[in-house]
Amino acid sequence: MTRSPSENDKGQLGRITRALAKVEANEIQAVLLSFLMVFVLMAAYFMLRPVRDAMASDWSREEVGVLWTVTFFVSLFAVIAYGFVISRIPFHRVVPSVYAFFSVSFFAFY
């Protein structure tokens, strides 16, 4: 019996990925790119975290409280706006645009 191309092991990474998750052979590239994007996003967050903590150490408790409150409301507004946009614009256009926006903003802040 011959195996179909989707059943062929495309290397050790493909075997490991299929063993750990229900990922088809044609989905491996998308899964790895998604992982890479999230990894880069989290790496950027952890690079900015010491700066945030250093800034907070110079501020009073009231100023830090205001910072967290403003962050909460800005995040709340951003999630609501994202939900509004994603419900009206095709998903395949919104997601790359959001990644591009944050990439450009990270480079601008750098």
PDB file of N, CA and C in Angstrom:
ATOM      1  N   MET A   1       0.855  -1.174   0.000  1.00  0.00           N
ATOM      2  CA  MET A   1       0.000   0.000   0.000  1.00  0.00           C
ATOM      3  C   MET A   1       0.899   1.234   0.000  1.00  0.00           C
ATOM      4  N   THR A   2       0.582   2.186  -0.866  1.00  0.00           N
ATOM      5  CA  THR A   2       1.374   3.410  -0.943  1.00  0.00           C
ATOM      6  C   THR A   2       0.747   4.469  -0.049  1.00  0.00           C
ATOM      7  N   ARG A   3       1.593   5.329   0.435  1.00  0.00           N
ATOM      8  CA  ARG A   3       1.129   6.402   1.313  1.00  0.00           C
ATOM      9  C   ARG A   3       0.888   7.646   0.478  1.00  0.00           C
ATOM     10  N   SER A   4      -0.129   8.398   0.864  1.00  0.00           N
ATOM     11  CA  SER A   4      -0.413   9.645   0.167  1.00  0.00           C
ATOM     12  C   SER A   4       0.614  10.690   0.565  1.00  0.00           C
ATOM     13  N   PRO A   5       0.772  11.768  -0.247  1.00  0.00           N
ATOM     14  CA  PRO A   5       1.767  12.795   0.091  1.00  0.00           C
ATOM     15  C   PRO A   5       1.547  13.432   1.449  1.00  0.00           C
ATOM     16  N   SER A   6       0.281  13.537   1.890  1.00  0.00           N
ATOM     17  CA  SER A   6       0.037  14.142   3.200  1.00  0.00           C
ATOM     18  C   SER A   6       0.497  13.247   4.339  1.00  0.00           C
ATOM     19  N   GLU A   7       0.628  11.932   4.049  1.00  0.00           N
ATOM     20  CA  GLU A   7       1.076  11.008   5.079  1.00  0.00           C
ATOM     21  C   GLU A   7       2.588  10.861   5.103  1.00  0.00           C
ATOM     22  N   ASN A   8       3.269  11.271   4.030  1.00  0.00           N
ATOM     23  CA  ASN A   8       4.728  11.167   3.989  1.00  0.00           C
ATOM     24  C   ASN A   8       5.345  12.105   5.009  1.00  0.00           C
ATOM     25  N   ASP A   9       6.351  11.593   5.697  1.00  0.00           N
ATOM     26  CA  ASP A   9       7.056  12.434   6.654  1.00  0.00           C
ATOM     27  C   ASP A   9       7.985  13.354   5.885  1.00  0.00           C
ATOM     28  N   LYS A  10       7.874  14.641   6.115  1.00  0.00           N
ATOM     29  CA  LYS A  10       8.688  15.628   5.417  1.00  0.00           C
ATOM     30  C   LYS A  10       9.860  16.055   6.278  1.00  0.00           C
ATOM     31  N   GLY A  11      10.363  15.175   7.061  1.00  0.00           N
ATOM     32  CA  GLY A  11      11.502  15.501   7.912  1.00  0.00           C
ATOM     33  C   GLY A  11      11.124  15.377   9.378  1.00  0.00           C
ATOM     34  N   GLN A  12      12.125  15.562  10.199  1.00  0.00           N
ATOM     35  CA  GLN A  12      11.930  15.401  11.636  1.00  0.00           C
ATOM     36  C   GLN A  12      10.982  16.448  12.209  1.00  0.00           C
ATOM     37  N   LEU A  13      11.069  17.697  11.725  1.00  0.00           N
ATOM     38  CA  LEU A  13      10.188  18.751  12.223  1.00  0.00           C
ATOM     39  C   LEU A  13       8.728  18.417  11.928  1.00  0.00           C
ATOM     40  N   GLY A  14       8.455  17.907  10.735  1.00  0.00           N
ATOM     41  CA  GLY A  14       7.091  17.517  10.382  1.00  0.00           C
ATOM     42  C   GLY A  14       6.572  16.390  11.258  1.00  0.00           C
ATOM     43  N   ARG A  15       7.424  15.412  11.538  1.00  0.00           N
ATOM     44  CA  ARG A  15       7.015  14.287  12.406  1.00  0.00           C
ATOM     45  C   ARG A  15       6.724  14.773  13.819  1.00  0.00           C
ATOM     46  N   ILE A  16       7.583  15.653  14.330  1.00  0.00           N
ATOM     47  CA  ILE A  16       7.381  16.172  15.696  1.00  0.00           C
ATOM     48  C   ILE A  16       6.105  16.998  15.765  1.00  0.00           C
ATOM     49  N   THR A  17       5.897  17.850  14.768  1.00  0.00           N
ATOM     50  CA  THR A  17       4.702  18.702  14.758  1.00  0.00           C
ATOM     51  C   THR A  17       3.437  17.861  14.707  1.00  0.00           C
ATOM     52  N   ARG A  18       3.423  16.857  13.845  1.00  0.00           N
ATOM     53  CA  ARG A  18       2.225  16.007  13.757  1.00  0.00           C
ATOM     54  C   ARG A  18       2.035  15.170  15.016  1.00  0.00           C
ATOM     55  N   ALA A  19       3.130  14.827  15.694  1.00  0.00           N
ATOM     56  CA  ALA A  19       3.017  14.042  16.922  1.00  0.00           C
ATOM     57  C   ALA A  19       2.447  14.875  18.069  1.00  0.00           C
ATOM     58  N   LEU A  20       2.763  16.158  18.114  1.00  0.00           N
ATOM     59  CA  LEU A  20       2.330  17.010  19.214  1.00  0.00           C
ATOM     60  C   LEU A  20       0.972  17.656  18.994  1.00  0.00           C
ATOM     61  N   ALA A  21       0.582  17.850  17.742  1.00  0.00           N
ATOM     62  CA  ALA A  21      -0.661  18.569  17.454  1.00  0.00           C
ATOM     63  C   ALA A  21      -1.296  17.980  16.200  1.00  0.00           C
ATOM     64  N   LYS A  22      -2.565  18.261  16.035  1.00  0.00           N
ATOM     65  CA  LYS A  22      -3.262  17.815  14.829  1.00  0.00           C
ATOM     66  C   LYS A  22      -3.003  18.831  13.717  1.00  0.00           C
ATOM     67  N   VAL A  23      -1.835  18.716  13.112  1.00  0.00           N
ATOM     68  CA  VAL A  23      -1.438  19.630  12.044  1.00  0.00           C
ATOM     69  C   VAL A  23      -1.207  18.792  10.794  1.00  0.00           C
ATOM     70  N   GLU A  24      -1.896  19.158   9.735  1.00  0.00           N
ATOM     71  CA  GLU A  24      -1.729  18.461   8.467  1.00  0.00           C
ATOM     72  C   GLU A  24      -0.443  18.946   7.792  1.00  0.00           C
ATOM     73  N   ALA A  25       0.039  18.165   6.841  1.00  0.00           N
ATOM     74  CA  ALA A  25       1.289  18.503   6.155  1.00  0.00           C
ATOM     75  C   ALA A  25       1.196  19.853   5.451  1.00  0.00           C
ATOM     76  N   ASN A  26       0.033  20.174   4.876  1.00  0.00           N
ATOM     77  CA  ASN A  26      -0.111  21.444   4.161  1.00  0.00           C
ATOM     78  C   ASN A  26      -0.277  22.629   5.107  1.00  0.00           C
ATOM     79  N   GLU A  27      -0.389  22.396   6.404  1.00  0.00           N
ATOM     80  CA  GLU A  27      -0.556  23.471   7.382  1.00  0.00           C
ATOM     81  C   GLU A  27       0.734  23.800   8.133  1.00  0.00           C
ATOM     82  N   ILE A  28       1.765  23.006   7.953  1.00  0.00           N
ATOM     83  CA  ILE A  28       2.985  23.164   8.744  1.00  0.00           C
ATOM     84  C   ILE A  28       3.625  24.539   8.523  1.00  0.00           C
ATOM     85  N   GLN A  29       3.700  24.997   7.278  1.00  0.00           N
ATOM     86  CA  GLN A  29       4.308  26.301   7.014  1.00  0.00           C
ATOM     87  C   GLN A  29       3.543  27.420   7.714  1.00  0.00           C
ATOM     88  N   ALA A  30       2.217  27.399   7.649  1.00  0.00           N
ATOM     89  CA  ALA A  30       1.411  28.435   8.298  1.00  0.00           C
ATOM     90  C   ALA A  30       1.584  28.382   9.811  1.00  0.00           C
ATOM     91  N   VAL A  31       1.641  27.189  10.372  1.00  0.00           N
ATOM     92  CA  VAL A  31       1.808  27.042  11.822  1.00  0.00           C
ATOM     93  C   VAL A  31       3.165  27.591  12.263  1.00  0.00           C
ATOM     94  N   LEU A  32       4.212  27.256  11.516  1.00  0.00           N
ATOM     95  CA  LEU A  32       5.546  27.733  11.884  1.00  0.00           C
ATOM     96  C   LEU A  32       5.665  29.247  11.727  1.00  0.00           C
ATOM     97  N   LEU A  33       5.078  29.815  10.676  1.00  0.00           N
ATOM     98  CA  LEU A  33       5.100  31.267  10.514  1.00  0.00           C
ATOM     99  C   LEU A  33       4.316  31.963  11.621  1.00  0.00           C
ATOM    100  N   SER A  34       3.198  31.388  11.997  1.00  0.00           N
ATOM    101  CA  SER A  34       2.414  31.958  13.091  1.00  0.00           C
ATOM    102  C   SER A  34       3.206  31.922  14.397  1.00  0.00           C
ATOM    103  N   PHE A  35       3.850  30.797  14.657  1.00  0.00           N
ATOM    104  CA  PHE A  35       4.681  30.676  15.854  1.00  0.00           C
ATOM    105  C   PHE A  35       5.792  31.722  15.832  1.00  0.00           C
ATOM    106  N   LEU A  36       6.438  31.900  14.677  1.00  0.00           N
ATOM    107  CA  LEU A  36       7.515  32.867  14.561  1.00  0.00           C
ATOM    108  C   LEU A  36       7.021  34.282  14.826  1.00  0.00           C
ATOM    109  N   MET A  37       5.854  34.630  14.303  1.00  0.00           N
ATOM    110  CA  MET A  37       5.314  35.974  14.520  1.00  0.00           C
ATOM    111  C   MET A  37       5.000  36.224  15.995  1.00  0.00           C
ATOM    112  N   VAL A  38       4.401  35.245  16.650  1.00  0.00           N
ATOM    113  CA  VAL A  38       4.090  35.398  18.071  1.00  0.00           C
ATOM    114  C   VAL A  38       5.386  35.453  18.886  1.00  0.00           C
ATOM    115  N   PHE A  39       6.375  34.644  18.506  1.00  0.00           N
ATOM    116  CA  PHE A  39       7.666  34.668  19.192  1.00  0.00           C
ATOM    117  C   PHE A  39       8.309  36.046  19.097  1.00  0.00           C
ATOM    118  N   VAL A  40       8.302  36.639  17.894  1.00  0.00           N
ATOM    119  CA  VAL A  40       8.893  37.967  17.709  1.00  0.00           C
ATOM    120  C   VAL A  40       8.117  39.009  18.515  1.00  0.00           C
ATOM    121  N   LEU A  41       6.790  38.893  18.525  1.00  0.00           N
ATOM    122  CA  LEU A  41       5.978  39.831  19.301  1.00  0.00           C
ATOM    123  C   LEU A  41       6.308  39.740  20.788  1.00  0.00           C
ATOM    124  N   MET A  42       6.417  38.524  21.314  1.00  0.00           N
ATOM    125  CA  MET A  42       6.738  38.359  22.733  1.00  0.00           C
ATOM    126  C   MET A  42       8.172  38.797  23.029  1.00  0.00           C
ATOM    127  N   ALA A  43       9.091  38.561  22.101  1.00  0.00           N
ATOM    128  CA  ALA A  43      10.470  39.025  22.292  1.00  0.00           C
ATOM    129  C   ALA A  43      10.508  40.542  22.374  1.00  0.00           C
ATOM    130  N   ALA A  44       9.734  41.207  21.532  1.00  0.00           N
ATOM    131  CA  ALA A  44       9.674  42.669  21.578  1.00  0.00           C
ATOM    132  C   ALA A  44       9.099  43.134  22.913  1.00  0.00           C
ATOM    133  N   TYR A  45       8.076  42.443  23.392  1.00  0.00           N
ATOM    134  CA  TYR A  45       7.494  42.805  24.692  1.00  0.00           C
ATOM    135  C   TYR A  45       8.531  42.669  25.804  1.00  0.00           C
ATOM    136  N   PHE A  46       9.281  41.568  25.798  1.00  0.00           N
ATOM    137  CA  PHE A  46      10.261  41.361  26.862  1.00  0.00           C
ATOM    138  C   PHE A  46      11.459  42.298  26.731  1.00  0.00           C
ATOM    139  N   MET A  47      11.705  42.843  25.537  1.00  0.00           N
ATOM    140  CA  MET A  47      12.747  43.859  25.402  1.00  0.00           C
ATOM    141  C   MET A  47      12.271  45.193  25.960  1.00  0.00           C
ATOM    142  N   LEU A  48      10.980  45.485  25.815  1.00  0.00           N
ATOM    143  CA  LEU A  48      10.442  46.755  26.301  1.00  0.00           C
ATOM    144  C   LEU A  48      10.110  46.719  27.794  1.00  0.00           C
ATOM    145  N   ARG A  49       9.946  45.543  28.353  1.00  0.00           N
ATOM    146  CA  ARG A  49       9.558  45.422  29.752  1.00  0.00           C
ATOM    147  C   ARG A  49      10.539  46.075  30.724  1.00  0.00           C
ATOM    148  N   PRO A  50      11.852  45.900  30.579  1.00  0.00           N
ATOM    149  CA  PRO A  50      12.771  46.581  31.503  1.00  0.00           C
ATOM    150  C   PRO A  50      12.663  48.100  31.425  1.00  0.00           C
ATOM    151  N   VAL A  51      12.389  48.616  30.237  1.00  0.00           N
ATOM    152  CA  VAL A  51      12.221  50.063  30.089  1.00  0.00           C
ATOM    153  C   VAL A  51      10.989  50.508  30.859  1.00  0.00           C
ATOM    154  N   ARG A  52       9.898  49.750  30.720  1.00  0.00           N
ATOM    155  CA  ARG A  52       8.670  50.082  31.446  1.00  0.00           C
ATOM    156  C   ARG A  52       8.903  50.031  32.951  1.00  0.00           C
ATOM    157  N   ASP A  53       9.588  48.986  33.407  1.00  0.00           N
ATOM    158  CA  ASP A  53       9.846  48.852  34.835  1.00  0.00           C
ATOM    159  C   ASP A  53      10.763  49.958  35.352  1.00  0.00           C
ATOM    160  N   ALA A  54      11.751  50.352  34.543  1.00  0.00           N
ATOM    161  CA  ALA A  54      12.649  51.437  34.958  1.00  0.00           C
ATOM    162  C   ALA A  54      11.895  52.758  35.051  1.00  0.00           C
ATOM    163  N   MET A  55      10.996  52.988  34.114  1.00  0.00           N
ATOM    164  CA  MET A  55      10.197  54.214  34.165  1.00  0.00           C
ATOM    165  C   MET A  55       9.300  54.207  35.394  1.00  0.00           C
ATOM    166  N   ALA A  56       8.712  53.065  35.691  1.00  0.00           N
ATOM    167  CA  ALA A  56       7.797  52.976  36.824  1.00  0.00           C
ATOM    168  C   ALA A  56       8.525  53.166  38.153  1.00  0.00           C
ATOM    169  N   SER A  57       9.800  52.821  38.223  1.00  0.00           N
ATOM    170  CA  SER A  57      10.525  52.980  39.488  1.00  0.00           C
ATOM    171  C   SER A  57      10.769  54.450  39.818  1.00  0.00           C
ATOM    172  N   ASP A  58      10.721  55.312  38.813  1.00  0.00           N
ATOM    173  CA  ASP A  58      10.909  56.750  39.044  1.00  0.00           C
ATOM    174  C   ASP A  58       9.602  57.464  39.370  1.00  0.00           C
ATOM    175  N   TRP A  59       8.491  56.776  39.255  1.00  0.00           N
ATOM    176  CA  TRP A  59       7.188  57.397  39.445  1.00  0.00           C
ATOM    177  C   TRP A  59       6.621  57.065  40.821  1.00  0.00           C
ATOM    178  N   SER A  60       5.686  57.875  41.247  1.00  0.00           N
ATOM    179  CA  SER A  60       5.018  57.609  42.528  1.00  0.00           C
ATOM    180  C   SER A  60       3.957  56.527  42.320  1.00  0.00           C
ATOM    181  N   ARG A  61       3.405  56.058  43.428  1.00  0.00           N
ATOM    182  CA  ARG A  61       2.361  55.023  43.339  1.00  0.00           C
ATOM    183  C   ARG A  61       1.131  55.537  42.597  1.00  0.00           C
ATOM    184  N   GLU A  62       0.803  56.796  42.779  1.00  0.00           N
ATOM    185  CA  GLU A  62      -0.363  57.372  42.103  1.00  0.00           C
ATOM    186  C   GLU A  62      -0.138  57.426  40.587  1.00  0.00           C
ATOM    187  N   GLU A  63       1.058  57.818  40.186  1.00  0.00           N
ATOM    188  CA  GLU A  63       1.361  57.882  38.751  1.00  0.00           C
ATOM    189  C   GLU A  63       1.343  56.499  38.107  1.00  0.00           C
ATOM    190  N   VAL A  64       1.850  55.513  38.816  1.00  0.00           N
ATOM    191  CA  VAL A  64       1.817  54.139  38.290  1.00  0.00           C
ATOM    192  C   VAL A  64       0.369  53.660  38.200  1.00  0.00           C
ATOM    193  N   GLY A  65      -0.435  54.004  39.209  1.00  0.00           N
ATOM    194  CA  GLY A  65      -1.857  53.636  39.167  1.00  0.00           C
ATOM    195  C   GLY A  65      -2.571  54.253  37.981  1.00  0.00           C
ATOM    196  N   VAL A  66      -2.275  55.509  37.692  1.00  0.00           N
ATOM    197  CA  VAL A  66      -2.863  56.178  36.526  1.00  0.00           C
ATOM    198  C   VAL A  66      -2.377  55.503  35.247  1.00  0.00           C
ATOM    199  N   LEU A  67      -1.098  55.141  35.193  1.00  0.00           N
ATOM    200  CA  LEU A  67      -0.551  54.462  34.021  1.00  0.00           C
ATOM    201  C   LEU A  67      -1.291  53.159  33.749  1.00  0.00           C
ATOM    202  N   TRP A  68      -1.495  52.344  34.783  1.00  0.00           N
ATOM    203  CA  TRP A  68      -2.195  51.069  34.601  1.00  0.00           C
ATOM    204  C   TRP A  68      -3.652  51.287  34.226  1.00  0.00           C
ATOM    205  N   THR A  69      -4.290  52.298  34.785  1.00  0.00           N
ATOM    206  CA  THR A  69      -5.687  52.581  34.456  1.00  0.00           C
ATOM    207  C   THR A  69      -5.821  53.028  33.007  1.00  0.00           C
ATOM    208  N   VAL A  70      -4.949  53.910  32.573  1.00  0.00           N
ATOM    209  CA  VAL A  70      -4.972  54.362  31.177  1.00  0.00           C
ATOM    210  C   VAL A  70      -4.670  53.191  30.242  1.00  0.00           C
ATOM    211  N   THR A  71      -3.712  52.355  30.617  1.00  0.00           N
ATOM    212  CA  THR A  71      -3.395  51.172  29.803  1.00  0.00           C
ATOM    213  C   THR A  71      -4.610  50.273  29.676  1.00  0.00           C
ATOM    214  N   PHE A  72      -5.336  50.075  30.765  1.00  0.00           N
ATOM    215  CA  PHE A  72      -6.539  49.248  30.729  1.00  0.00           C
ATOM    216  C   PHE A  72      -7.565  49.803  29.747  1.00  0.00           C
ATOM    217  N   PHE A  73      -7.847  51.091  29.843  1.00  0.00           N
ATOM    218  CA  PHE A  73      -8.884  51.669  28.977  1.00  0.00           C
ATOM    219  C   PHE A  73      -8.442  51.741  27.512  1.00  0.00           C
ATOM    220  N   VAL A  74      -7.175  52.024  27.276  1.00  0.00           N
ATOM    221  CA  VAL A  74      -6.684  52.011  25.891  1.00  0.00           C
ATOM    222  C   VAL A  74      -6.770  50.596  25.311  1.00  0.00           C
ATOM    223  N   SER A  75      -6.393  49.590  26.108  1.00  0.00           N
ATOM    224  CA  SER A  75      -6.485  48.204  25.652  1.00  0.00           C
ATOM    225  C   SER A  75      -7.937  47.808  25.406  1.00  0.00           C
ATOM    226  N   LEU A  76      -8.824  48.217  26.284  1.00  0.00           N
ATOM    227  CA  LEU A  76     -10.246  47.921  26.111  1.00  0.00           C
ATOM    228  C   LEU A  76     -10.766  48.530  24.813  1.00  0.00           C
ATOM    229  N   PHE A  77     -10.417  49.793  24.560  1.00  0.00           N
ATOM    230  CA  PHE A  77     -10.832  50.447  23.326  1.00  0.00           C
ATOM    231  C   PHE A  77     -10.239  49.748  22.104  1.00  0.00           C
ATOM    232  N   ALA A  78      -8.964  49.342  22.196  1.00  0.00           N
ATOM    233  CA  ALA A  78      -8.309  48.669  21.068  1.00  0.00           C
ATOM    234  C   ALA A  78      -8.983  47.339  20.745  1.00  0.00           C
ATOM    235  N   VAL A  79      -9.361  46.579  21.760  1.00  0.00           N
ATOM    236  CA  VAL A  79     -10.030  45.296  21.527  1.00  0.00           C
ATOM    237  C   VAL A  79     -11.403  45.518  20.900  1.00  0.00           C
ATOM    238  N   ILE A  80     -12.136  46.504  21.372  1.00  0.00           N
ATOM    239  CA  ILE A  80     -13.453  46.810  20.797  1.00  0.00           C
ATOM    240  C   ILE A  80     -13.297  47.267  19.347  1.00  0.00           C
ATOM    241  N   ALA A  81     -12.324  48.133  19.084  1.00  0.00           N
ATOM    242  CA  ALA A  81     -12.094  48.609  17.713  1.00  0.00           C
ATOM    243  C   ALA A  81     -11.674  47.461  16.805  1.00  0.00           C
ATOM    244  N   TYR A  82     -10.818  46.575  17.302  1.00  0.00           N
ATOM    245  CA  TYR A  82     -10.386  45.419  16.512  1.00  0.00           C
ATOM    246  C   TYR A  82     -11.567  44.516  16.191  1.00  0.00           C
ATOM    247  N   GLY A  83     -12.426  44.273  17.156  1.00  0.00           N
ATOM    248  CA  GLY A  83     -13.622  43.465  16.910  1.00  0.00           C
ATOM    249  C   GLY A  83     -14.531  44.091  15.875  1.00  0.00           C
ATOM    250  N   PHE A  84     -14.692  45.414  15.934  1.00  0.00           N
ATOM    251  CA  PHE A  84     -15.507  46.124  14.948  1.00  0.00           C
ATOM    252  C   PHE A  84     -14.900  45.994  13.546  1.00  0.00           C
ATOM    253  N   VAL A  85     -13.587  46.195  13.444  1.00  0.00           N
ATOM    254  CA  VAL A  85     -12.916  46.127  12.145  1.00  0.00           C
ATOM    255  C   VAL A  85     -12.942  44.708  11.585  1.00  0.00           C
ATOM    256  N   ILE A  86     -12.651  43.723  12.415  1.00  0.00           N
ATOM    257  CA  ILE A  86     -12.570  42.335  11.940  1.00  0.00           C
ATOM    258  C   ILE A  86     -13.934  41.815  11.503  1.00  0.00           C
ATOM    259  N   SER A  87     -15.015  42.398  12.026  1.00  0.00           N
ATOM    260  CA  SER A  87     -16.347  41.957  11.614  1.00  0.00           C
ATOM    261  C   SER A  87     -16.765  42.553  10.277  1.00  0.00           C
ATOM    262  N   ARG A  88     -16.045  43.566   9.800  1.00  0.00           N
ATOM    263  CA  ARG A  88     -16.432  44.234   8.550  1.00  0.00           C
ATOM    264  C   ARG A  88     -15.418  44.109   7.419  1.00  0.00           C
ATOM    265  N   ILE A  89     -14.180  43.796   7.736  1.00  0.00           N
ATOM    266  CA  ILE A  89     -13.127  43.676   6.728  1.00  0.00           C
ATOM    267  C   ILE A  89     -12.652  42.223   6.729  1.00  0.00           C
ATOM    268  N   PRO A  90     -12.352  41.664   5.547  1.00  0.00           N
ATOM    269  CA  PRO A  90     -11.900  40.260   5.497  1.00  0.00           C
ATOM    270  C   PRO A  90     -10.683  40.006   6.383  1.00  0.00           C
ATOM    271  N   PHE A  91     -10.737  38.871   7.052  1.00  0.00           N
ATOM    272  CA  PHE A  91      -9.710  38.471   8.011  1.00  0.00           C
ATOM    273  C   PHE A  91      -8.321  38.465   7.377  1.00  0.00           C
ATOM    274  N   HIS A  92      -8.209  37.987   6.134  1.00  0.00           N
ATOM    275  CA  HIS A  92      -6.897  37.865   5.489  1.00  0.00           C
ATOM    276  C   HIS A  92      -6.273  39.212   5.155  1.00  0.00           C
ATOM    277  N   ARG A  93      -7.015  40.300   5.288  1.00  0.00           N
ATOM    278  CA  ARG A  93      -6.448  41.634   5.099  1.00  0.00           C
ATOM    279  C   ARG A  93      -6.148  42.316   6.437  1.00  0.00           C
ATOM    280  N   VAL A  94      -6.956  42.034   7.435  1.00  0.00           N
ATOM    281  CA  VAL A  94      -6.794  42.706   8.722  1.00  0.00           C
ATOM    282  C   VAL A  94      -5.555  42.210   9.467  1.00  0.00           C
ATOM    283  N   VAL A  95      -5.385  40.897   9.545  1.00  0.00           N
ATOM    284  CA  VAL A  95      -4.298  40.339  10.356  1.00  0.00           C
ATOM    285  C   VAL A  95      -2.920  40.790   9.862  1.00  0.00           C
ATOM    286  N   PRO A  96      -2.608  40.677   8.566  1.00  0.00           N
ATOM    287  CA  PRO A  96      -1.298  41.194   8.131  1.00  0.00           C
ATOM    288  C   PRO A  96      -1.145  42.698   8.366  1.00  0.00           C
ATOM    289  N   SER A  97      -2.233  43.436   8.252  1.00  0.00           N
ATOM    290  CA  SER A  97      -2.170  44.876   8.501  1.00  0.00           C
ATOM    291  C   SER A  97      -1.842  45.167   9.965  1.00  0.00           C
ATOM    292  N   VAL A  98      -2.425  44.420  10.872  1.00  0.00           N
ATOM    293  CA  VAL A  98      -2.154  44.608  12.304  1.00  0.00           C
ATOM    294  C   VAL A  98      -0.697  44.264  12.611  1.00  0.00           C
ATOM    295  N   TYR A  99      -0.208  43.140  12.061  1.00  0.00           N
ATOM    296  CA  TYR A  99       1.197  42.774  12.269  1.00  0.00           C
ATOM    297  C   TYR A  99       2.121  43.850  11.695  1.00  0.00           C
ATOM    298  N   ALA A 100       1.796  44.360  10.513  1.00  0.00           N
ATOM    299  CA  ALA A 100       2.620  45.406   9.898  1.00  0.00           C
ATOM    300  C   ALA A 100       2.622  46.669  10.755  1.00  0.00           C
ATOM    301  N   PHE A 101       1.454  47.049  11.280  1.00  0.00           N
ATOM    302  CA  PHE A 101       1.364  48.239  12.137  1.00  0.00           C
ATOM    303  C   PHE A 101       2.277  48.113  13.347  1.00  0.00           C
ATOM    304  N   PHE A 102       2.216  46.962  14.030  1.00  0.00           N
ATOM    305  CA  PHE A 102       3.040  46.796  15.220  1.00  0.00           C
ATOM    306  C   PHE A 102       4.519  46.678  14.864  1.00  0.00           C
ATOM    307  N   SER A 103       4.838  46.065  13.741  1.00  0.00           N
ATOM    308  CA  SER A 103       6.239  45.992  13.314  1.00  0.00           C
ATOM    309  C   SER A 103       6.799  47.385  13.065  1.00  0.00           C
ATOM    310  N   VAL A 104       6.050  48.204  12.356  1.00  0.00           N
ATOM    311  CA  VAL A 104       6.494  49.574  12.080  1.00  0.00           C
ATOM    312  C   VAL A 104       6.607  50.367  13.375  1.00  0.00           C
ATOM    313  N   SER A 105       5.651  50.189  14.291  1.00  0.00           N
ATOM    314  CA  SER A 105       5.716  50.939  15.549  1.00  0.00           C
ATOM    315  C   SER A 105       6.909  50.511  16.391  1.00  0.00           C
ATOM    316  N   PHE A 106       7.255  49.208  16.383  1.00  0.00           N
ATOM    317  CA  PHE A 106       8.433  48.768  17.138  1.00  0.00           C
ATOM    318  C   PHE A 106       9.702  49.371  16.556  1.00  0.00           C
ATOM    319  N   PHE A 107       9.789  49.404  15.226  1.00  0.00           N
ATOM    320  CA  PHE A 107      10.968  50.012  14.607  1.00  0.00           C
ATOM    321  C   PHE A 107      11.005  51.518  14.889  1.00  0.00           C
ATOM    322  N   ALA A 108       9.855  52.162  14.883  1.00  0.00           N
ATOM    323  CA  ALA A 108       9.807  53.606  15.163  1.00  0.00           C
ATOM    324  C   ALA A 108      10.259  53.899  16.584  1.00  0.00           C
ATOM    325  N   PHE A 109       9.815  53.084  17.556  1.00  0.00           N
ATOM    326  CA  PHE A 109      10.229  53.299  18.937  1.00  0.00           C
ATOM    327  C   PHE A 109      11.687  52.953  19.148  1.00  0.00           C
ATOM    328  N   TYR A 110      12.197  52.003  18.357  1.00  0.00           N
ATOM    329  CA  TYR A 110      13.617  51.629  18.483  1.00  0.00           C
ATOM    330  C   TYR A 110      14.484  52.803  18.123  1.00  0.00           C
TER     331      TYR A 110
END
